[in-house]
């Protein structure tokens, strides 16, 4: 930011210094000078603290900061290494193909089972999604934001939410398509029918594993990027979601997993759309989109979601009797009485083709995780009601929560007119040359949680005014 009112040449600076020395400061100028010195020392201290590591920073924190700055390079190099190995060493193909091909195909039915080799495909998609997200945000979405006149934090938020529209729109469309063509469309009790079905179609397996990779990647993103005030709620949400997906995959409850993912993705799509409209300054459209999102959230995440939870209590005992099964779909044996041991709960993860048991404990564990997730959703819905009240009262759909974990580390951006007025009332100070290390250079608008930046504005609006729309209400993927 250009500083108004400061001499523009060394000759003017010398004249100003001589005038100041010979004129003798009055009491008012002394008071202004003292306030100026205090203000400058406070800003300098904040800047110094912003670049110094926190007390809880460690080697892992430094690694996360490095990972944040090199997401594209790391992703590209890992993918190139994989493909070059696959092409250059044919004998290694039996292992490398697991990263980008589905495993455990039944040649007789064409469907797929599950197993630990699926972890290779999940890892591949974690890397691919990480690199793709940054490339799309930095080289496609951020330039689009600039064309709309967005800059600074507004441009970054626009890119984040536009990426979520791309992902959530795709995943919700695919998930809805699979539900529509299934026996449990509009009949949730059928998600428990024909259990255990130890095979799934290729589309279903692609969908489930990519979704699993996405949510694991969200755990990484929420920890390496700028930490928000609701960081721990978001982190807890992602952990519970990943645990539910992992357990439902191991216990072959893919159908109910599909239903819950569609519920979540549909709301995320509506939320991100409302945010993008806000950043583009379509305020009326944003408020309408937010109203649609609020109704959708309540209908899906609190009504339909609770219907699924209730179905565990009512329908599971009807469709899934307690007992254990062994073998593939073509040679399924059971049910056997379940062993009197908690170790049987871990058996599907030790041997995906081995013993698979359903007990009251299994149903209780799944229901508990779903209820915990519902508690988080209820907390966020309370925030949504607060935003809705502001819309009705005429203040617009805004969220007063800060984007940063510590607001006092943000500096207020002052308009040039205010700067000129302030500087005109201050005595001229000699310019001081200061060395700036490379740590002070900011080459990217995206923020790591380990690097605090001074605040910027979107469209000339100070970030110390009321914050931009919605913040991180709900299951906001950082994506």
Protein backbone atom coordinates (compact mmCIF):
# COMPACT_ATOMS: atom_id res chain seq x y z
CA UNK A 1 0.00 0.00 0.00
CA UNK A 2 1.44 3.36 -1.01
CA UNK A 3 1.98 5.72 1.92
CA UNK A 4 0.53 9.19 1.33
CA UNK A 5 2.01 12.29 2.91
CA UNK A 6 5.59 10.98 3.17
CA UNK A 7 8.30 13.00 1.31
CA UNK A 8 8.96 11.54 -2.13
CA UNK A 9 12.63 12.48 -2.49
CA UNK A 10 15.70 12.71 -0.31
CA UNK A 11 15.78 16.48 -0.94
CA UNK A 12 12.25 16.92 0.43
CA UNK A 13 13.08 14.60 3.30
CA UNK A 14 16.11 16.71 4.25
CA UNK A 15 14.06 19.94 4.12
CA UNK A 16 11.33 18.39 6.25
CA UNK A 17 13.90 17.21 8.80
CA UNK A 18 15.47 20.69 9.03
CA UNK A 19 12.07 22.34 9.43
CA UNK A 20 11.11 19.92 12.17
CA UNK A 21 14.39 20.45 14.02
CA UNK A 22 14.19 24.27 13.90
CA UNK A 23 10.48 24.78 14.52
CA UNK A 24 10.25 23.04 17.91
CA UNK A 25 7.37 20.65 18.47
CA UNK A 26 4.34 21.81 20.40
CA UNK A 27 2.38 19.76 22.91
CA UNK A 28 -0.13 18.53 20.31
CA UNK A 29 2.58 17.28 17.95
CA UNK A 30 4.30 15.51 20.85
CA UNK A 31 1.05 13.75 21.71
CA UNK A 32 0.45 12.71 18.08
CA UNK A 33 4.05 11.54 17.73
CA UNK A 34 3.75 9.42 20.87
CA UNK A 35 0.54 7.80 19.60
CA UNK A 36 2.20 7.17 16.25
CA UNK A 37 5.21 5.49 17.90
CA UNK A 38 2.96 3.28 20.04
CA UNK A 39 0.87 2.27 17.02
CA UNK A 40 3.92 1.44 14.94
CA UNK A 41 5.51 -0.60 17.75
CA UNK A 42 2.30 -2.62 18.18
CA UNK A 43 2.09 -3.36 14.45
CA UNK A 44 5.75 -4.36 14.37
CA UNK A 45 5.25 -6.68 17.34
CA UNK A 46 2.25 -8.32 15.71
CA UNK A 47 4.18 -8.85 12.50
CA UNK A 48 7.10 -10.34 14.39
CA UNK A 49 4.84 -12.69 16.32
CA UNK A 50 3.05 -13.69 13.11
CA UNK A 51 6.25 -14.98 11.55
CA UNK A 52 7.61 -16.69 14.65
CA UNK A 53 6.55 -20.29 15.32
CA UNK A 54 4.05 -20.95 18.08
CA UNK A 55 5.09 -22.69 21.25
CA UNK A 56 3.37 -25.89 20.17
CA UNK A 57 5.08 -25.90 16.78
CA UNK A 58 7.33 -28.88 16.26
CA UNK A 59 9.03 -30.86 13.56
CA UNK A 60 5.63 -32.15 12.47
CA UNK A 61 4.36 -28.57 12.20
CA UNK A 62 7.30 -27.62 10.01
CA UNK A 63 6.63 -30.67 7.87
CA UNK A 64 2.98 -29.69 7.46
CA UNK A 65 4.00 -26.17 6.43
CA UNK A 66 6.39 -27.63 3.86
CA UNK A 67 3.67 -29.99 2.64
CA UNK A 68 1.26 -27.08 2.22
CA UNK A 69 3.73 -25.12 0.10
CA UNK A 70 4.60 -28.06 -2.17
CA UNK A 71 1.27 -29.82 -2.71
CA UNK A 72 1.49 -29.68 -6.49
CA UNK A 73 5.14 -30.70 -6.68
CA UNK A 74 4.73 -33.61 -4.28
CA UNK A 75 1.61 -34.88 -6.06
CA UNK A 76 3.12 -34.62 -9.55
CA UNK A 77 6.37 -36.30 -8.54
CA UNK A 78 4.63 -39.19 -6.78
CA UNK A 79 2.30 -39.80 -9.72
CA UNK A 80 5.15 -39.59 -12.25
CA UNK A 81 7.21 -42.02 -10.17
CA UNK A 82 4.30 -44.46 -10.10
CA UNK A 83 3.61 -44.34 -13.84
CA UNK A 84 7.29 -44.46 -14.83
CA UNK A 85 7.77 -47.49 -12.59
CA UNK A 86 4.69 -49.14 -14.08
CA UNK A 87 5.89 -48.55 -17.66
CA UNK A 88 9.62 -49.15 -17.19
CA UNK A 89 9.47 -52.26 -15.01
CA UNK A 90 6.88 -54.74 -16.34
CA UNK A 91 7.53 -57.15 -13.47
CA UNK A 92 6.45 -54.45 -11.03
CA UNK A 93 3.12 -54.10 -12.83
CA UNK A 94 1.48 -56.68 -10.61
CA UNK A 95 1.99 -54.27 -7.73
CA UNK A 96 1.73 -50.84 -9.41
CA UNK A 97 -1.56 -51.61 -11.12
CA UNK A 98 -3.20 -51.83 -7.69
CA UNK A 99 -2.87 -48.04 -7.41
CA UNK A 100 -5.14 -47.27 -10.35
CA UNK A 101 -7.18 -50.44 -10.96
CA UNK A 102 -9.90 -52.10 -8.91
CA UNK A 103 -8.84 -55.27 -7.09
CA UNK A 104 -10.65 -58.49 -6.16
CA UNK A 105 -12.76 -58.96 -9.28
CA UNK A 106 -14.95 -62.05 -9.51
CA UNK A 107 -14.51 -63.14 -13.13
CA UNK A 108 -17.74 -65.15 -13.04
CA UNK A 109 -20.02 -62.30 -11.95
CA UNK A 110 -17.95 -59.28 -12.98
CA UNK A 111 -18.46 -57.74 -9.54
CA UNK A 112 -15.78 -56.90 -6.98
CA UNK A 113 -15.01 -57.97 -3.44
CA UNK A 114 -13.02 -56.03 -0.86
CA UNK A 115 -9.58 -56.40 0.70
CA UNK A 116 -6.51 -54.60 1.90
CA UNK A 117 -5.24 -54.04 -1.65
CA UNK A 118 -7.97 -51.42 -1.97
CA UNK A 119 -5.77 -49.19 0.21
CA UNK A 120 -3.45 -48.70 -2.78
CA UNK A 121 -6.25 -47.20 -4.87
CA UNK A 122 -7.33 -44.97 -1.98
CA UNK A 123 -3.75 -43.70 -1.59
CA UNK A 124 -3.55 -42.93 -5.32
CA UNK A 125 -6.73 -40.86 -5.16
CA UNK A 126 -5.62 -38.98 -2.04
CA UNK A 127 -2.53 -37.82 -3.95
CA UNK A 128 -4.49 -37.12 -7.14
CA UNK A 129 -7.21 -35.13 -5.35
CA UNK A 130 -4.62 -33.12 -3.40
CA UNK A 131 -2.76 -32.07 -6.54
CA UNK A 132 -5.91 -31.54 -8.61
CA UNK A 133 -7.46 -29.32 -5.96
CA UNK A 134 -4.53 -26.93 -5.83
CA UNK A 135 -4.07 -26.85 -9.62
CA UNK A 136 -7.75 -26.13 -10.28
CA UNK A 137 -7.93 -23.52 -7.51
CA UNK A 138 -4.72 -21.67 -8.39
CA UNK A 139 -4.80 -21.80 -12.19
CA UNK A 140 -8.51 -21.88 -13.07
CA UNK A 141 -10.71 -20.70 -10.22
CA UNK A 142 -8.49 -17.93 -8.82
CA UNK A 143 -8.14 -16.24 -12.25
CA UNK A 144 -11.94 -16.42 -12.59
CA UNK A 145 -12.24 -14.75 -9.20
CA UNK A 146 -9.90 -11.99 -10.34
CA UNK A 147 -12.07 -11.40 -13.40
CA UNK A 148 -14.94 -10.79 -10.99
CA UNK A 149 -12.86 -8.24 -9.11
CA UNK A 150 -12.12 -10.46 -6.12
CA UNK A 151 -8.75 -10.33 -4.44
CA UNK A 152 -7.01 -11.39 -1.28
CA UNK A 153 -9.02 -13.59 1.06
CA UNK A 154 -12.18 -13.24 -1.03
CA UNK A 155 -10.40 -14.75 -4.03
CA UNK A 156 -9.12 -17.68 -1.95
CA UNK A 157 -12.54 -18.39 -0.43
CA UNK A 158 -14.18 -18.23 -3.87
CA UNK A 159 -11.70 -20.77 -5.25
CA UNK A 160 -12.20 -23.11 -2.26
CA UNK A 161 -15.97 -23.10 -2.54
CA UNK A 162 -16.00 -23.36 -6.34
CA UNK A 163 -13.80 -26.47 -6.05
CA UNK A 164 -16.31 -27.93 -3.60
CA UNK A 165 -19.11 -27.23 -6.06
CA UNK A 166 -17.20 -29.24 -8.67
CA UNK A 167 -16.55 -32.18 -6.35
CA UNK A 168 -19.83 -32.22 -4.40
CA UNK A 169 -21.82 -31.74 -7.60
CA UNK A 170 -20.13 -34.73 -9.22
CA UNK A 171 -20.29 -37.02 -6.18
CA UNK A 172 -23.91 -36.19 -5.34
CA UNK A 173 -24.95 -36.77 -8.97
CA UNK A 174 -23.23 -40.17 -9.10
CA UNK A 175 -24.51 -41.16 -5.66
CA UNK A 176 -28.08 -40.13 -6.48
CA UNK A 177 -27.92 -42.06 -9.76
CA UNK A 178 -26.90 -45.22 -7.91
CA UNK A 179 -29.65 -44.75 -5.32
CA UNK A 180 -32.28 -44.12 -7.98
CA UNK A 181 -31.41 -47.39 -9.71
CA UNK A 182 -31.38 -49.42 -6.49
CA UNK A 183 -34.00 -51.27 -4.49
CA UNK A 184 -33.61 -48.86 -1.54
CA UNK A 185 -34.70 -45.73 -3.44
CA UNK A 186 -37.48 -44.21 -1.28
CA UNK A 187 -37.43 -47.38 0.84
CA UNK A 188 -34.64 -47.06 3.37
CA UNK A 189 -35.33 -50.39 5.05
CA UNK A 190 -34.03 -52.16 1.94
CA UNK A 191 -30.46 -51.00 2.64
CA UNK A 192 -30.28 -53.89 5.10
CA UNK A 193 -31.70 -56.53 2.74
CA UNK A 194 -29.57 -59.38 1.36
CA UNK A 195 -26.82 -58.89 3.93
CA UNK A 196 -24.06 -59.93 3.75
CA UNK A 197 -23.49 -59.19 0.08
CA UNK A 198 -19.71 -59.46 -0.21
CA UNK A 199 -19.52 -58.05 -3.73
CA UNK A 200 -20.41 -54.76 -5.43
CA UNK A 201 -20.45 -53.36 -8.95
CA UNK A 202 -17.42 -51.58 -10.40
CA UNK A 203 -19.20 -48.20 -10.31
CA UNK A 204 -20.16 -48.67 -6.67
CA UNK A 205 -16.61 -49.58 -5.68
CA UNK A 206 -15.09 -46.65 -7.57
CA UNK A 207 -17.60 -44.32 -5.95
CA UNK A 208 -17.03 -45.57 -2.41
CA UNK A 209 -13.23 -45.67 -2.53
CA UNK A 210 -12.91 -42.22 -4.13
CA UNK A 211 -15.26 -40.80 -1.51
CA UNK A 212 -13.17 -42.42 1.20
CA UNK A 213 -10.01 -40.92 -0.32
CA UNK A 214 -11.64 -37.50 -0.45
CA UNK A 215 -12.55 -37.48 3.22
CA UNK A 216 -9.10 -38.65 4.27
CA UNK A 217 -7.68 -35.86 2.12
CA UNK A 218 -9.96 -33.41 3.95
CA UNK A 219 -8.32 -34.40 7.24
CA UNK A 220 -4.97 -33.46 5.71
CA UNK A 221 -6.29 -30.17 4.31
CA UNK A 222 -7.93 -29.03 7.53
CA UNK A 223 -4.63 -29.50 9.38
CA UNK A 224 -2.18 -27.92 6.92
CA UNK A 225 -4.24 -24.92 5.85
CA UNK A 226 -5.23 -21.87 7.85
CA UNK A 227 -6.95 -23.00 11.02
CA UNK A 228 -10.49 -21.73 11.53
CA UNK A 229 -12.37 -21.20 14.76
CA UNK A 230 -14.43 -24.35 14.19
CA UNK A 231 -11.31 -26.40 13.42
CA UNK A 232 -11.97 -29.05 16.05
CA UNK A 233 -15.60 -29.48 15.01
CA UNK A 234 -14.51 -29.93 11.40
CA UNK A 235 -11.68 -32.26 12.38
CA UNK A 236 -14.03 -34.37 14.52
CA UNK A 237 -16.57 -34.50 11.70
CA UNK A 238 -13.96 -35.75 9.21
CA UNK A 239 -12.63 -38.37 11.64
CA UNK A 240 -16.11 -39.75 12.38
CA UNK A 241 -16.98 -39.75 8.67
CA UNK A 242 -13.84 -41.71 7.80
CA UNK A 243 -14.45 -44.20 10.61
CA UNK A 244 -18.02 -44.74 9.43
CA UNK A 245 -16.88 -45.29 5.84
CA UNK A 246 -14.09 -47.65 6.88
CA UNK A 247 -16.34 -49.73 9.14
CA UNK A 248 -19.26 -49.80 6.71
CA UNK A 249 -16.88 -50.95 3.97
CA UNK A 250 -15.47 -53.74 6.12
CA UNK A 251 -18.93 -54.87 7.25
CA UNK A 252 -20.42 -54.61 3.72
CA UNK A 253 -22.94 -51.91 4.60
CA UNK A 254 -22.22 -50.01 1.38
CA UNK A 255 -25.87 -49.21 0.64
CA UNK A 256 -26.52 -47.26 3.82
CA UNK A 257 -23.16 -45.56 3.28
CA UNK A 258 -24.33 -44.46 -0.16
CA UNK A 259 -27.52 -42.98 1.31
CA UNK A 260 -25.66 -40.99 3.98
CA UNK A 261 -23.06 -39.69 1.51
CA UNK A 262 -25.81 -38.41 -0.80
CA UNK A 263 -27.38 -36.59 2.16
CA UNK A 264 -24.08 -34.93 3.02
CA UNK A 265 -22.95 -34.07 -0.51
CA UNK A 266 -26.27 -32.50 -1.50
CA UNK A 267 -26.13 -30.07 1.42
CA UNK A 268 -22.47 -29.27 0.78
CA UNK A 269 -23.32 -28.40 -2.82
CA UNK A 270 -26.06 -25.98 -1.75
CA UNK A 271 -23.84 -24.38 0.91
CA UNK A 272 -20.91 -23.83 -1.44
CA UNK A 273 -23.22 -22.38 -4.08
CA UNK A 274 -24.54 -19.84 -1.57
CA UNK A 275 -21.01 -18.89 -0.57
CA UNK A 276 -19.87 -18.41 -4.18
CA UNK A 277 -22.87 -16.16 -4.85
CA UNK A 278 -21.91 -14.12 -1.81
CA UNK A 279 -18.30 -13.71 -2.92
CA UNK A 280 -19.55 -12.65 -6.37
CA UNK A 281 -21.68 -10.00 -4.60
CA UNK A 282 -25.04 -11.38 -5.74
CA UNK A 283 -26.54 -10.67 -2.35
CA UNK A 284 -30.19 -11.38 -3.17
CA UNK A 285 -29.34 -14.61 -4.98
CA UNK A 286 -27.11 -15.57 -2.07
CA UNK A 287 -29.91 -15.07 0.46
CA UNK A 288 -32.29 -17.14 -1.69
CA UNK A 289 -29.69 -19.89 -2.10
CA UNK A 290 -29.05 -19.84 1.62
CA UNK A 291 -32.78 -20.25 2.30
CA UNK A 292 -32.87 -23.27 -0.02
CA UNK A 293 -29.78 -24.65 1.68
CA UNK A 294 -31.30 -24.22 5.14
CA UNK A 295 -34.47 -26.11 4.18
CA UNK A 296 -32.39 -28.80 2.48
CA UNK A 297 -30.12 -29.13 5.51
CA UNK A 298 -33.04 -29.64 7.89
CA UNK A 299 -34.89 -32.05 5.58
CA UNK A 300 -31.86 -34.19 4.76
CA UNK A 301 -29.41 -33.95 7.65
CA UNK A 302 -31.94 -33.95 10.45
CA UNK A 303 -35.03 -35.69 9.06
CA UNK A 304 -33.76 -38.19 6.49
CA UNK A 305 -30.59 -38.79 8.51
CA UNK A 306 -32.56 -39.57 11.68
CA UNK A 307 -34.81 -41.90 9.68
CA UNK A 308 -31.68 -43.92 8.86
CA UNK A 309 -30.69 -43.96 12.53
CA UNK A 310 -34.18 -45.11 13.48
CA UNK A 311 -33.99 -47.80 10.81
CA UNK A 312 -30.98 -49.29 12.60
CA UNK A 313 -33.12 -49.75 15.69
CA UNK A 314 -36.27 -51.00 13.95
CA UNK A 315 -35.30 -52.61 10.63
CA UNK A 316 -31.88 -54.14 11.30
CA UNK A 317 -33.25 -56.85 13.67
CA UNK A 318 -35.80 -57.79 10.98
CA UNK A 319 -33.37 -58.10 8.07
CA UNK A 320 -30.11 -59.08 9.80
CA UNK A 321 -30.35 -61.74 12.51
CA UNK A 322 -27.46 -62.06 14.91
CA UNK A 323 -24.89 -64.53 13.65
CA UNK A 324 -21.70 -65.06 11.69
CA UNK A 325 -21.06 -65.91 8.04
CA UNK A 326 -18.09 -67.24 6.12
CA UNK A 327 -17.20 -67.64 2.45
CA UNK A 328 -17.86 -65.77 -0.78
CA UNK A 329 -21.27 -64.95 -2.24
CA UNK A 330 -21.25 -68.18 -4.25
CA UNK A 331 -20.28 -70.29 -1.23
CA UNK A 332 -21.69 -68.43 1.75
CA UNK A 333 -22.03 -70.45 4.94
CA UNK A 334 -24.01 -69.42 8.01
CA UNK A 335 -25.35 -68.05 10.15
CA UNK A 336 -23.29 -69.46 13.00
CA UNK A 337 -23.64 -68.41 16.63
CA UNK A 338 -21.28 -65.47 17.23
CA UNK A 339 -18.28 -66.17 19.49
CA UNK A 340 -18.40 -64.66 22.94
CA UNK A 341 -15.46 -62.35 22.32
CA UNK A 342 -14.92 -58.72 21.31
CA UNK A 343 -12.15 -59.88 18.98
CA UNK A 344 -14.79 -61.05 16.51
CA UNK A 345 -15.60 -57.39 15.80
CA UNK A 346 -12.14 -56.93 14.26
CA UNK A 347 -12.25 -60.09 12.17
CA UNK A 348 -13.60 -58.43 8.97
CA UNK A 349 -10.59 -56.09 8.96
CA UNK A 350 -8.07 -58.85 9.63
CA UNK A 351 -9.40 -61.13 6.91
CA UNK A 352 -11.91 -59.46 4.52
CA UNK A 353 -12.84 -62.89 3.14
CA UNK A 354 -13.10 -64.56 6.55
CA UNK A 355 -15.71 -64.55 9.29
CA UNK A 356 -18.25 -61.72 9.25
CA UNK A 357 -20.54 -61.34 12.25
CA UNK A 358 -23.50 -59.17 13.13
CA UNK A 359 -24.23 -58.64 16.81
CA UNK A 360 -25.99 -56.08 18.96
CA UNK A 361 -22.56 -54.58 19.71
CA UNK A 362 -21.93 -53.95 16.00
CA UNK A 363 -25.28 -52.16 15.61
CA UNK A 364 -24.60 -50.11 18.75
CA UNK A 365 -21.18 -48.99 17.52
CA UNK A 366 -22.56 -47.83 14.17
CA UNK A 367 -25.49 -46.06 15.81
CA UNK A 368 -23.21 -44.32 18.31
CA UNK A 369 -20.99 -42.89 15.58
CA UNK A 370 -24.03 -41.72 13.62
CA UNK A 371 -25.46 -40.01 16.71
CA UNK A 372 -22.14 -38.27 17.39
CA UNK A 373 -22.18 -36.98 13.84
CA UNK A 374 -25.76 -35.81 14.33
CA UNK A 375 -24.70 -33.83 17.42
CA UNK A 376 -22.15 -31.92 15.34
CA UNK A 377 -24.77 -31.31 12.66
CA UNK A 378 -27.19 -29.99 15.30
CA UNK A 379 -24.56 -27.55 16.58
CA UNK A 380 -23.99 -26.27 13.07
CA UNK A 381 -27.73 -26.03 12.44
CA UNK A 382 -28.00 -23.72 15.43
CA UNK A 383 -25.49 -21.45 13.71
CA UNK A 384 -27.55 -21.66 10.52
CA UNK A 385 -30.66 -20.51 12.40
CA UNK A 386 -28.65 -17.55 13.67
CA UNK A 387 -27.68 -16.61 10.11
CA UNK A 388 -31.28 -17.08 8.93
CA UNK A 389 -32.48 -14.68 11.62
CA UNK A 390 -30.13 -12.03 10.30
CA UNK A 391 -31.51 -12.53 6.79
CA UNK A 392 -35.08 -12.07 8.02
CA UNK A 393 -34.11 -9.05 10.11
CA UNK A 394 -32.56 -7.40 7.05
CA UNK A 395 -28.86 -7.68 7.84
CA UNK A 396 -28.23 -10.34 5.19
CA UNK A 397 -26.79 -13.83 5.37
CA UNK A 398 -23.53 -13.19 7.14
CA UNK A 399 -21.46 -15.04 9.67
CA UNK A 400 -19.68 -13.03 12.34
CA UNK A 401 -17.16 -15.76 13.05
CA UNK A 402 -13.54 -15.13 12.18
CA UNK A 403 -11.69 -17.10 9.54
CA UNK A 404 -8.63 -17.18 11.79
CA UNK A 405 -8.21 -18.82 15.13
CA UNK A 406 -6.80 -15.64 16.64
CA UNK A 407 -8.41 -12.40 15.45
CA UNK A 408 -5.93 -10.19 17.24
CA UNK A 409 -3.20 -11.28 14.87
CA UNK A 410 -5.03 -9.73 11.93
CA UNK A 411 -4.21 -6.17 10.94
CA UNK A 412 -6.82 -3.78 9.68
CA UNK A 413 -6.40 -2.66 6.10
CA UNK A 414 -6.97 1.08 5.91
CA UNK A 415 -8.19 2.87 2.81
CA UNK A 416 -5.81 5.33 1.07
CA UNK A 417 -8.03 8.27 2.04
CA UNK A 418 -7.81 7.41 5.74
CA UNK A 419 -4.07 6.82 5.42
CA UNK A 420 -3.58 10.21 3.80
CA UNK A 421 -5.60 11.96 6.49
CA UNK A 422 -3.69 10.19 9.26
CA UNK A 423 -0.29 10.86 7.76
CA UNK A 424 -1.08 14.53 7.16
CA UNK A 425 -1.57 15.00 10.90
CA UNK A 426 1.65 13.22 11.86
CA UNK A 427 5.11 14.72 11.95
CA UNK A 428 7.38 13.54 9.18
CA UNK A 429 9.58 10.64 10.21
CA UNK A 430 12.90 9.80 8.59
CA UNK A 431 12.69 6.75 6.39
CA UNK A 432 14.34 3.68 7.87
CA UNK A 433 15.80 0.99 5.69
CA UNK A 434 15.00 -2.47 7.03
CA UNK A 435 16.22 -5.84 5.84
CA UNK A 436 13.46 -8.27 5.05
CA UNK A 437 14.15 -12.00 4.95
CA UNK A 438 12.60 -14.42 2.57
CA UNK A 439 10.20 -15.43 5.32
CA UNK A 440 8.41 -12.10 4.82
CA UNK A 441 7.70 -12.78 1.14
CA UNK A 442 4.24 -14.12 0.34
CA UNK A 443 4.09 -15.85 -3.02
CA UNK A 444 0.63 -17.38 -2.65
CA UNK A 445 -2.77 -16.23 -1.42
CA UNK A 446 -3.48 -19.63 0.11
CA UNK A 447 -2.65 -19.88 3.78
CA UNK A 448 -1.01 -22.52 5.86
CA UNK A 449 -2.09 -22.67 9.50
CA UNK A 450 1.60 -22.34 10.43
CA UNK A 451 2.07 -19.05 8.56
CA UNK A 452 0.00 -16.13 9.74
CA UNK A 453 -0.56 -13.42 7.13
CA UNK A 454 -1.91 -9.94 7.56
CA UNK A 455 -5.52 -9.57 6.56
CA UNK A 456 -6.57 -8.62 3.07
CA UNK A 457 -9.93 -7.48 1.79
CA UNK A 458 -12.31 -8.58 -0.87
CA UNK A 459 -13.76 -5.79 -3.00
CA UNK A 460 -12.40 -3.09 -0.73
CA UNK A 461 -14.34 -4.16 2.37
CA UNK A 462 -12.32 -4.32 5.56
CA UNK A 463 -12.03 -7.77 7.07
CA UNK A 464 -12.38 -6.26 10.52
CA UNK A 465 -15.95 -5.39 9.55
CA UNK A 466 -18.48 -8.19 9.81
CA UNK A 467 -17.06 -11.30 8.19
CA UNK A 468 -17.98 -12.79 4.84
CA UNK A 469 -20.97 -15.10 4.39
CA UNK A 470 -21.38 -18.33 6.29
CA UNK A 471 -17.70 -18.93 7.12
CA UNK A 472 -17.42 -22.65 7.70
CA UNK A 473 -20.93 -23.57 8.82
CA UNK A 474 -21.67 -27.21 8.21
CA UNK A 475 -19.54 -29.88 6.57
CA UNK A 476 -17.38 -27.48 4.70
CA UNK A 477 -14.81 -29.57 2.69
CA UNK A 478 -11.54 -27.66 2.31
CA UNK A 479 -10.94 -29.18 0.47
